[in-house]
Amino acid sequence: MSEGFFGPILACMEEGVIFLDHEDVIRYINPAAERIRKVRAARLVGRHILSIHKGQTRERVEELLESLKAGPHVSRDRVVRVGDRYFDNTYTAIFDGEGKFVGTLLISRDATAKKILADENSRLRNVLDEPGGEEFIAVSPSMRHALDTVTTVAPLDSTVLITGESGSGKEHFAELVHRLSSRNDGPLVRVNCAAIPENLIESELFGHVRGSFTGAVTNQTGKFLKAQGGTLFLDEIGELPLSSQAKILRAIQHKKIQPVGSPEEREVDVRIVAATNRDLLTRVREGHFREDLFYRLNVIKLTVPPLRERPEDIEALADAFIARFSRKMGRTPLRLSDEARALLVSHPLPGNVRQLMHAIERAVAFAKGDLILVNDFPSDLREPARSEPPVSHSAGMLAGQALREALERCERDFVTEALQKCGGKKIQAAKMLGISRKNLWEKITRFAIEDSEQG
């Protein structure tokens, strides 16, 4: 094929161009085709097209070329896979002015990224269609942006930091990142950093050998090794004690861990996804979180928006939860009354999706007819949100303060005092208060007790 006037144009095209003559011999390959198909024109020009294909691929190409020559269609589109890459190929039969076949023009585009994106979107749709997929309902732009971010970053192997308020669904996003990643055949291992006693964190994460400390009667595999080849989800990473942060950082940086009591290091192949409802940068400034660990975790940040910032999603979420719990409880699908719907949309829902889901579950259980009424919701949802009155300790009681508010204030002070007396050690504080550690954490979150108040 003589390049002539068209040579510079063909050489600058982004699409790969290959021309076969009437005998299916390769006569021209432009630079883009060399780059896209990873071939060298000098080695292929002059060879028959079928000589470079084998097996079923050769048969399909031969059949395609013969059909183009025979008509009536003079163009065919095919997506072909070569190794781990995909190409969108268009084959066009070229005829001269007298209708004589003179050759075949092949235009080739690298469609690998497009194919991967289509596969990811398909997998995402499958996840959203499964039970529990309601948490990902996205009517609002902010939630759609969050889901778009997931589909973009999930195929990568980079560390992801998921931020958002309690109850916003961070753990569901972590699971989605894993399921849409190339590690989805591997394990997803969850670790609640806030629920592990400080003296057991290293043993839980890295494992230990028998006899390494009192009570270590057998060898134990740590969470890092259990997540080998998969994803390690570090939930509530902001609660990790400073004493353990350095070893977490080293494990992430060097991809090696050392079980407690073992002289040997073990290599680990895991993807780290962390989540927190804390402002980690503020925790860094306050000296509670290592700056180097923060930047190691904050490679890709994914923010889950709270419900109050996406009211468009509330009704759709509520309807989806009603359908789920109606099926679960064997009831015909219920509907929200106008008053109940208005309450949900106007309520700040500080507990986010978790609060909404539990409120709907209760309402479906207590609804008498086919309508969910305001009175079917729990009391915390029915009562309007109150702004907390200013604190004054000059009097034993606040003027006009409701008994419930006074009791909550007393409870908050009681919890704060216990934490201060125990030097911030939550296990000891929980024992002093006669409650579980989980219950203590719920009160710390509910009353917004800061670390400075915890000692």
Protein backbone atom coordinates (compact mmCIF):
# COMPACT_ATOMS: atom_id res chain seq x y z
CA MET A 1 0.00 0.00 0.00
CA SER A 2 1.54 3.32 -1.07
CA GLU A 3 1.46 5.82 1.79
CA GLY A 4 1.76 8.94 -0.37
CA PHE A 5 -0.33 11.83 0.89
CA PHE A 6 -2.07 9.73 3.53
CA GLY A 7 1.12 8.41 5.14
CA PRO A 8 1.52 11.18 7.77
CA ILE A 9 -2.21 11.02 8.58
CA LEU A 10 -2.14 7.26 9.15
CA ALA A 11 1.05 7.55 11.17
CA CYS A 12 -0.57 10.08 13.55
CA MET A 13 -3.84 8.23 14.08
CA GLU A 14 -4.63 6.92 17.57
CA GLU A 15 -6.44 3.93 16.06
CA GLY A 16 -4.45 1.01 14.77
CA VAL A 17 -4.69 0.61 10.98
CA ILE A 18 -3.83 -2.59 9.13
CA PHE A 19 -4.46 -3.13 5.40
CA LEU A 20 -4.68 -6.54 3.72
CA ASP A 21 -4.60 -6.87 -0.05
CA HIS A 22 -7.05 -8.95 -2.10
CA GLU A 23 -5.10 -12.11 -1.22
CA ASP A 24 -5.22 -11.32 2.51
CA VAL A 25 -1.53 -10.46 2.66
CA ILE A 26 -0.59 -7.71 5.16
CA ARG A 27 0.58 -4.64 3.23
CA TYR A 28 0.54 -1.86 5.83
CA ILE A 29 0.64 -1.46 9.63
CA ASN A 30 0.68 2.00 11.19
CA PRO A 31 2.57 2.87 14.43
CA ALA A 32 -0.61 2.85 16.52
CA ALA A 33 -1.36 -0.72 15.44
CA GLU A 34 2.17 -1.72 16.44
CA ARG A 35 1.66 -0.13 19.85
CA ILE A 36 -1.88 -1.43 20.47
CA ARG A 37 -1.23 -4.98 19.30
CA LYS A 38 2.39 -5.07 20.52
CA VAL A 39 3.78 -6.18 17.15
CA ARG A 40 6.46 -4.91 14.76
CA ALA A 41 5.40 -3.99 11.24
CA ALA A 42 8.74 -5.10 9.78
CA ARG A 43 8.06 -8.67 10.91
CA LEU A 44 4.49 -8.89 9.65
CA VAL A 45 4.22 -6.86 6.46
CA GLY A 46 4.28 -9.29 3.49
CA ARG A 47 2.87 -12.21 5.52
CA HIS A 48 -0.55 -13.77 5.03
CA ILE A 49 -2.95 -12.76 7.82
CA LEU A 50 -3.79 -16.40 8.58
CA SER A 51 -0.12 -17.25 9.15
CA ILE A 52 -0.05 -15.22 12.35
CA HIS A 53 -3.13 -16.84 13.90
CA LYS A 54 -3.66 -20.34 15.23
CA GLY A 55 -6.49 -22.69 16.10
CA GLN A 56 -9.98 -21.30 16.55
CA THR A 57 -8.80 -17.71 16.12
CA ARG A 58 -7.45 -18.57 12.66
CA GLU A 59 -10.77 -20.23 11.74
CA ARG A 60 -12.82 -17.21 12.90
CA VAL A 61 -10.63 -14.72 11.01
CA GLU A 62 -10.79 -16.82 7.83
CA GLU A 63 -14.58 -17.10 8.10
CA LEU A 64 -14.88 -13.36 8.70
CA LEU A 65 -12.75 -12.40 5.69
CA GLU A 66 -14.64 -14.75 3.37
CA SER A 67 -17.99 -13.33 4.52
CA LEU A 68 -16.79 -9.78 3.83
CA LYS A 69 -15.76 -10.66 0.30
CA ALA A 70 -19.07 -12.42 -0.39
CA GLY A 71 -21.26 -9.56 0.95
CA PRO A 72 -23.86 -8.24 1.36
CA HIS A 73 -22.33 -6.65 4.53
CA VAL A 74 -19.00 -5.00 3.90
CA SER A 75 -18.14 -4.28 7.54
CA ARG A 76 -17.90 -6.37 10.71
CA ASP A 77 -17.19 -5.44 14.35
CA ARG A 78 -15.58 -7.88 16.74
CA VAL A 79 -14.10 -7.66 20.25
CA VAL A 80 -11.18 -10.05 20.48
CA ARG A 81 -9.07 -11.04 23.46
CA VAL A 82 -5.32 -11.35 23.17
CA GLY A 83 -3.78 -12.49 26.45
CA ASP A 84 -5.16 -10.20 29.14
CA ARG A 85 -6.09 -7.40 26.70
CA TYR A 86 -9.17 -6.71 24.59
CA PHE A 87 -9.41 -5.12 21.15
CA ASP A 88 -12.42 -3.61 19.41
CA ASN A 89 -11.77 -4.43 15.75
CA THR A 90 -13.67 -3.19 12.71
CA TYR A 91 -13.10 -5.07 9.45
CA THR A 92 -14.18 -3.30 6.25
CA ALA A 93 -14.05 -4.73 2.72
CA ILE A 94 -12.65 -2.24 0.18
CA PHE A 95 -13.93 -2.27 -3.44
CA ASP A 96 -12.74 -0.17 -6.39
CA GLY A 97 -14.98 1.89 -8.66
CA GLU A 98 -15.86 -1.15 -10.72
CA GLY A 99 -16.92 -3.16 -7.70
CA LYS A 100 -13.79 -5.30 -7.62
CA PHE A 101 -12.54 -6.39 -4.21
CA VAL A 102 -9.11 -4.88 -3.54
CA GLY A 103 -8.51 -5.60 0.13
CA THR A 104 -9.59 -5.40 3.78
CA LEU A 105 -9.09 -2.47 6.13
CA LEU A 106 -8.75 -3.35 9.81
CA ILE A 107 -9.21 -0.58 12.38
CA SER A 108 -8.16 -1.66 15.88
CA ARG A 109 -8.81 0.10 19.21
CA ASP A 110 -7.53 -1.03 22.60
CA ALA A 111 -10.76 -1.70 24.50
CA THR A 112 -9.19 -3.22 27.63
CA ALA A 113 -10.09 -0.32 29.93
CA LYS A 114 -13.61 -0.17 28.52
CA LYS A 115 -14.08 -3.93 28.99
CA ILE A 116 -12.78 -3.82 32.55
CA LEU A 117 -15.12 -0.92 33.38
CA ALA A 118 -18.08 -2.77 31.86
CA ASP A 119 -17.24 -5.87 33.91
CA GLU A 120 -16.91 -3.77 37.09
CA ASN A 121 -20.26 -2.09 36.46
CA SER A 122 -21.85 -5.49 35.87
CA ARG A 123 -20.41 -6.83 39.11
CA LEU A 124 -21.57 -3.71 40.94
CA ARG A 125 -25.12 -4.17 39.61
CA ASN A 126 -25.05 -7.78 40.77
CA VAL A 127 -23.95 -6.72 44.25
CA LEU A 128 -26.64 -4.05 44.46
CA ASP A 129 -29.28 -6.59 43.42
CA GLU A 130 -28.33 -8.95 46.24
CA PRO A 131 -29.96 -8.89 49.70
CA GLY A 132 -28.32 -6.11 51.69
CA GLY A 133 -27.60 -4.05 48.59
CA GLU A 134 -30.08 -1.42 49.76
CA GLU A 135 -27.27 0.39 51.59
CA PHE A 136 -25.88 1.42 48.20
CA ILE A 137 -29.04 3.06 46.87
CA ALA A 138 -27.83 6.25 45.25
CA VAL A 139 -30.26 8.93 44.15
CA SER A 140 -28.18 11.83 45.45
CA PRO A 141 -25.12 13.11 43.56
CA SER A 142 -22.90 12.66 46.64
CA MET A 143 -23.75 8.96 46.97
CA ARG A 144 -23.40 8.38 43.24
CA HIS A 145 -19.97 10.00 43.44
CA ALA A 146 -19.00 7.67 46.29
CA LEU A 147 -20.06 4.61 44.27
CA ASP A 148 -18.25 5.90 41.18
CA THR A 149 -15.13 6.25 43.31
CA VAL A 150 -15.46 2.64 44.46
CA THR A 151 -15.72 1.31 40.90
CA THR A 152 -12.64 3.36 39.97
CA VAL A 153 -10.38 2.41 42.88
CA ALA A 154 -11.53 -1.17 43.60
CA PRO A 155 -9.50 -2.76 40.74
CA LEU A 156 -6.35 -1.04 42.01
CA ASP A 157 -4.31 -2.50 44.84
CA SER A 158 -3.84 0.81 46.62
CA THR A 159 -4.73 1.34 50.27
CA VAL A 160 -8.17 2.88 50.79
CA LEU A 161 -9.24 5.00 53.78
CA ILE A 162 -13.01 5.15 54.23
CA THR A 163 -14.31 8.00 56.37
CA GLY A 164 -17.81 8.76 57.55
CA GLU A 165 -20.04 9.04 60.57
CA SER A 166 -21.15 6.07 62.66
CA GLY A 167 -23.90 4.14 60.95
CA SER A 168 -23.21 5.58 57.49
CA GLY A 169 -22.24 2.19 56.04
CA LYS A 170 -18.43 2.30 55.93
CA GLU A 171 -18.16 -1.46 56.44
CA HIS A 172 -20.46 -2.07 53.45
CA PHE A 173 -18.24 0.10 51.27
CA ALA A 174 -15.18 -1.83 52.44
CA GLU A 175 -16.89 -5.06 51.43
CA LEU A 176 -17.81 -3.54 48.06
CA VAL A 177 -14.19 -2.50 47.43
CA HIS A 178 -13.12 -6.10 48.10
CA ARG A 179 -15.83 -7.70 45.96
CA LEU A 180 -15.05 -5.47 42.97
CA SER A 181 -11.30 -5.99 43.26
CA SER A 182 -9.03 -8.58 41.68
CA ARG A 183 -8.71 -10.09 45.17
CA ASN A 184 -12.40 -11.02 45.40
CA ASP A 185 -11.55 -14.73 45.36
CA GLY A 186 -9.41 -14.23 48.46
CA PRO A 187 -10.57 -13.66 52.04
CA LEU A 188 -11.96 -10.43 53.45
CA VAL A 189 -10.81 -10.32 57.08
CA ARG A 190 -12.41 -7.75 59.36
CA VAL A 191 -10.72 -6.27 62.42
CA ASN A 192 -12.48 -3.90 64.83
CA CYS A 193 -9.50 -2.03 66.24
CA ALA A 194 -11.65 -0.51 69.00
CA ALA A 195 -12.78 -3.90 70.31
CA ILE A 196 -9.35 -5.48 70.89
CA PRO A 197 -7.73 -4.96 74.30
CA GLU A 198 -4.56 -2.94 73.94
CA ASN A 199 -2.31 -5.73 75.27
CA LEU A 200 -3.68 -8.20 72.68
CA ILE A 201 -3.61 -6.07 69.53
CA GLU A 202 -0.24 -7.32 68.25
CA SER A 203 -1.19 -10.94 68.91
CA GLU A 204 -4.51 -10.50 67.10
CA LEU A 205 -3.00 -8.78 64.07
CA PHE A 206 0.34 -10.59 63.72
CA GLY A 207 -0.29 -13.85 65.58
CA HIS A 208 1.86 -15.47 68.26
CA VAL A 209 3.80 -18.63 68.94
CA ARG A 210 3.16 -21.01 71.77
CA GLY A 211 4.70 -19.89 75.07
CA SER A 212 5.35 -16.31 73.93
CA PHE A 213 3.30 -14.98 76.86
CA THR A 214 1.11 -16.24 79.67
CA GLY A 215 -1.94 -17.89 78.16
CA ALA A 216 -0.33 -18.55 74.75
CA VAL A 217 -0.82 -22.31 74.92
CA THR A 218 -0.97 -22.79 71.13
CA ASN A 219 0.29 -21.05 68.02
CA GLN A 220 -2.15 -18.47 66.65
CA THR A 221 -2.35 -17.11 63.11
CA GLY A 222 -2.83 -13.35 63.03
CA LYS A 223 -5.32 -11.41 60.95
CA PHE A 224 -2.65 -10.32 58.44
CA LEU A 225 -1.85 -13.92 57.53
CA LYS A 226 -5.51 -14.91 57.55
CA ALA A 227 -6.09 -12.20 54.92
CA GLN A 228 -3.26 -13.51 52.72
CA GLY A 229 -4.14 -12.94 49.06
CA GLY A 230 -7.20 -10.92 50.02
CA THR A 231 -8.22 -7.77 51.88
CA LEU A 232 -7.64 -6.76 55.50
CA PHE A 233 -10.31 -4.36 56.72
CA LEU A 234 -9.12 -2.30 59.70
CA ASP A 235 -12.31 -0.79 61.08
CA GLU A 236 -12.15 2.02 63.66
CA ILE A 237 -8.47 2.55 62.80
CA GLY A 238 -8.57 5.88 64.66
CA GLU A 239 -8.87 4.01 67.97
CA LEU A 240 -5.61 2.13 67.49
CA PRO A 241 -3.21 2.86 70.38
CA LEU A 242 -0.01 4.72 69.55
CA SER A 243 2.01 1.79 70.89
CA SER A 244 0.69 -0.46 68.09
CA GLN A 245 0.71 2.04 65.23
CA ALA A 246 4.43 1.73 64.45
CA LYS A 247 4.20 -2.01 63.84
CA ILE A 248 1.07 -1.59 61.71
CA LEU A 249 2.94 0.99 59.65
CA ARG A 250 5.91 -1.34 59.21
CA ALA A 251 3.66 -4.23 58.14
CA ILE A 252 1.98 -2.05 55.51
CA GLN A 253 5.23 -0.54 54.24
CA HIS A 254 7.38 -3.67 54.07
CA LYS A 255 4.63 -6.26 53.65
CA LYS A 256 6.16 -8.31 56.44
CA ILE A 257 4.96 -9.22 59.91
CA GLN A 258 6.59 -10.87 62.90
CA PRO A 259 4.36 -12.98 65.15
CA VAL A 260 4.74 -12.29 68.86
CA GLY A 261 7.51 -14.49 70.26
CA SER A 262 8.78 -15.58 66.84
CA PRO A 263 12.31 -14.74 65.63
CA GLU A 264 11.21 -14.97 62.00
CA GLU A 265 9.37 -12.52 59.79
CA ARG A 266 6.60 -13.62 57.43
CA GLU A 267 5.80 -11.99 54.11
CA VAL A 268 2.19 -10.95 53.65
CA ASP A 269 0.25 -10.09 50.51
CA VAL A 270 -2.84 -8.17 51.57
CA ARG A 271 -4.67 -5.05 50.50
CA ILE A 272 -5.42 -2.66 53.34
CA VAL A 273 -8.81 -0.97 53.62
CA ALA A 274 -9.23 1.14 56.76
CA ALA A 275 -12.24 3.01 58.12
CA THR A 276 -12.84 5.61 60.78
CA ASN A 277 -15.42 8.09 62.01
CA ARG A 278 -12.63 10.26 63.40
CA ASP A 279 -10.83 13.18 61.80
CA LEU A 280 -7.43 11.51 61.63
CA LEU A 281 -5.60 14.69 60.70
CA THR A 282 -6.88 16.30 63.90
CA ARG A 283 -5.81 13.18 65.79
CA VAL A 284 -2.35 13.60 64.26
CA ARG A 285 -2.15 17.24 65.43
CA GLU A 286 -3.26 16.19 68.91
CA GLY A 287 -0.54 13.55 69.07
CA HIS A 288 -2.90 10.56 69.14
CA PHE A 289 -2.12 9.24 65.65
CA ARG A 290 1.16 8.86 63.78
CA GLU A 291 1.53 11.23 60.85
CA ASP A 292 3.45 8.69 58.75
CA LEU A 293 0.72 6.07 59.29
CA PHE A 294 -1.96 8.59 58.36
CA TYR A 295 -0.32 9.34 55.02
CA ARG A 296 0.30 5.65 54.39
CA LEU A 297 -3.42 4.94 54.90
CA ASN A 298 -4.70 8.06 53.15
CA VAL A 299 -3.56 6.97 49.67
CA ILE A 300 -7.13 6.93 48.36
CA LYS A 301 -9.78 8.54 50.53
CA LEU A 302 -13.42 7.55 50.18
CA THR A 303 -15.97 9.60 52.10
CA VAL A 304 -19.39 8.11 52.81
CA PRO A 305 -21.84 11.03 53.09
CA PRO A 306 -24.22 11.13 56.09
CA LEU A 307 -27.94 10.79 55.42
CA ARG A 308 -28.70 14.37 56.40
CA GLU A 309 -26.55 15.51 53.46
CA ARG A 310 -28.41 13.30 51.00
CA PRO A 311 -32.12 13.55 51.84
CA GLU A 312 -32.95 12.38 48.30
CA ASP A 313 -31.83 8.88 49.34
CA ILE A 314 -33.96 8.60 52.50
CA GLU A 315 -37.27 7.70 50.85
CA ALA A 316 -35.67 5.22 48.46
CA LEU A 317 -33.76 3.59 51.32
CA ALA A 318 -36.86 3.44 53.49
CA ASP A 319 -38.90 1.79 50.72
CA ALA A 320 -36.12 -0.76 50.11
CA PHE A 321 -35.86 -1.60 53.82
CA ILE A 322 -39.65 -1.95 54.05
CA ALA A 323 -39.58 -4.43 51.17
CA ARG A 324 -36.72 -6.38 52.78
CA PHE A 325 -38.28 -6.66 56.25
CA SER A 326 -41.76 -7.33 54.86
CA ARG A 327 -40.34 -10.36 53.04
CA LYS A 328 -38.32 -11.42 56.07
CA MET A 329 -41.37 -11.24 58.37
CA GLY A 330 -43.71 -12.86 55.87
CA ARG A 331 -45.88 -9.78 55.46
CA THR A 332 -47.36 -8.27 52.35
CA PRO A 333 -45.37 -5.18 51.35
CA LEU A 334 -46.25 -2.20 53.55
CA ARG A 335 -46.28 1.47 52.65
CA LEU A 336 -45.32 4.62 54.53
CA SER A 337 -48.11 6.98 55.45
CA ASP A 338 -47.62 10.56 54.29
CA GLU A 339 -46.91 11.65 57.86
CA ALA A 340 -44.37 8.87 58.39
CA ARG A 341 -42.62 9.70 55.13
CA ALA A 342 -42.49 13.40 56.01
CA LEU A 343 -41.00 12.57 59.42
CA LEU A 344 -38.21 10.48 57.92
CA VAL A 345 -37.27 13.12 55.37
CA SER A 346 -37.23 15.92 57.93
CA HIS A 347 -35.41 14.05 60.72
CA PRO A 348 -31.62 14.60 61.00
CA LEU A 349 -31.08 10.83 61.53
CA PRO A 350 -27.82 11.12 63.47
CA GLY A 351 -27.49 7.33 63.39
CA ASN A 352 -27.56 7.44 59.59
CA VAL A 353 -28.45 4.33 57.56
CA ARG A 354 -28.18 2.04 60.59
CA GLN A 355 -30.72 4.11 62.53
CA LEU A 356 -33.08 4.26 59.56
CA MET A 357 -32.82 0.50 58.96
CA HIS A 358 -33.55 -0.39 62.59
CA ALA A 359 -36.44 2.10 62.72
CA ILE A 360 -37.99 0.56 59.61
CA GLU A 361 -37.52 -2.98 60.97
CA ARG A 362 -39.37 -2.02 64.15
CA ALA A 363 -42.10 -0.22 62.21
CA VAL A 364 -42.73 -3.23 59.95
CA ALA A 365 -42.95 -5.46 63.02
CA PHE A 366 -45.42 -3.18 64.85
CA ALA A 367 -47.57 -1.89 61.97
CA LYS A 368 -51.18 -3.03 62.36
CA GLY A 369 -52.41 -2.52 58.82
CA ASP A 370 -50.81 -2.05 55.43
CA LEU A 371 -49.59 1.45 56.32
CA ILE A 372 -46.65 2.37 58.53
CA LEU A 373 -47.69 5.19 60.86
CA VAL A 374 -45.59 7.64 62.85
CA ASN A 375 -46.38 5.78 66.09
CA ASP A 376 -44.84 2.61 64.64
CA PHE A 377 -41.39 4.23 64.76
CA PRO A 378 -39.19 4.12 67.88
CA SER A 379 -39.47 7.04 70.28
CA ASP A 380 -36.08 8.54 69.39
CA LEU A 381 -37.34 9.02 65.84
CA ARG A 382 -40.74 10.40 66.81
CA GLU A 383 -39.32 13.06 69.14
CA PRO A 384 -38.01 16.24 67.51
CA ALA A 385 -34.29 16.83 67.87
CA ARG A 386 -33.54 19.17 70.75
CA SER A 387 -30.69 21.60 70.91
CA GLU A 388 -28.75 21.07 74.15
CA PRO A 389 -29.18 23.97 76.60
CA PRO A 390 -26.08 25.77 77.83
CA VAL A 391 -24.37 24.08 80.75
CA SER A 392 -24.34 25.88 84.10
CA HIS A 393 -22.93 24.17 87.14
CA SER A 394 -23.82 27.04 89.50
CA ALA A 395 -27.16 25.44 90.24
CA GLY A 396 -27.96 21.84 90.91
CA MET A 397 -30.60 21.85 88.22
CA LEU A 398 -31.06 23.62 84.88
CA ALA A 399 -34.14 25.77 84.64
CA GLY A 400 -36.76 24.15 82.45
CA GLN A 401 -34.61 21.12 81.75
CA ALA A 402 -36.46 17.88 81.13
CA LEU A 403 -35.77 14.95 83.43
CA ARG A 404 -34.49 12.85 80.53
CA GLU A 405 -31.93 15.48 79.57
CA ALA A 406 -30.80 15.85 83.17
CA LEU A 407 -30.31 12.09 83.45
CA GLU A 408 -28.33 12.00 80.22
CA ARG A 409 -26.09 14.82 81.44
CA CYS A 410 -25.55 12.96 84.70
CA GLU A 411 -24.74 9.76 82.80
CA ARG A 412 -22.26 11.58 80.57
CA ASP A 413 -20.46 13.08 83.60
CA PHE A 414 -20.43 9.67 85.27
CA VAL A 415 -18.84 8.00 82.22
CA THR A 416 -16.31 10.82 81.83
CA GLU A 417 -15.29 10.59 85.49
CA ALA A 418 -14.83 6.81 85.26
CA LEU A 419 -12.60 7.21 82.20
CA GLN A 420 -10.51 9.86 83.96
CA LYS A 421 -10.09 7.71 87.07
CA CYS A 422 -8.96 4.78 84.92
CA GLY A 423 -6.52 6.87 82.92
CA GLY A 424 -8.48 6.35 79.71
CA LYS A 425 -8.30 2.54 79.95
CA LYS A 426 -11.70 1.51 78.63
CA ILE A 427 -11.72 -2.07 79.94
CA GLN A 428 -11.18 -0.85 83.51
CA ALA A 429 -13.69 1.96 83.07
CA ALA A 430 -16.31 -0.45 81.75
CA LYS A 431 -15.78 -2.72 84.77
CA MET A 432 -16.08 0.22 87.13
CA LEU A 433 -19.34 1.25 85.48
CA GLY A 434 -20.65 -2.32 85.41
CA ILE A 435 -21.19 -2.32 81.64
CA SER A 436 -19.61 -4.05 78.65
CA ARG A 437 -16.78 -2.44 76.68
CA LYS A 438 -19.04 -2.25 73.64
CA ASN A 439 -21.69 -0.46 75.69
CA LEU A 440 -19.05 1.96 76.94
CA TRP A 441 -18.00 2.74 73.39
CA GLU A 442 -21.60 3.41 72.43
CA LYS A 443 -21.91 5.90 75.29
CA ILE A 444 -18.62 7.59 74.37
CA THR A 445 -19.91 8.02 70.81
CA ARG A 446 -23.42 9.07 71.86
CA PHE A 447 -22.19 11.67 74.33
CA ALA A 448 -19.32 12.80 72.03
CA ILE A 449 -16.75 12.35 74.80
CA GLU A 450 -13.40 13.39 73.38
CA ASP A 451 -10.08 11.74 74.11
CA SER A 452 -9.05 14.72 76.22
CA GLU A 453 -11.90 13.79 78.52
CA GLN A 454 -10.84 10.17 78.57
CA GLY A 455 -7.48 10.96 80.20
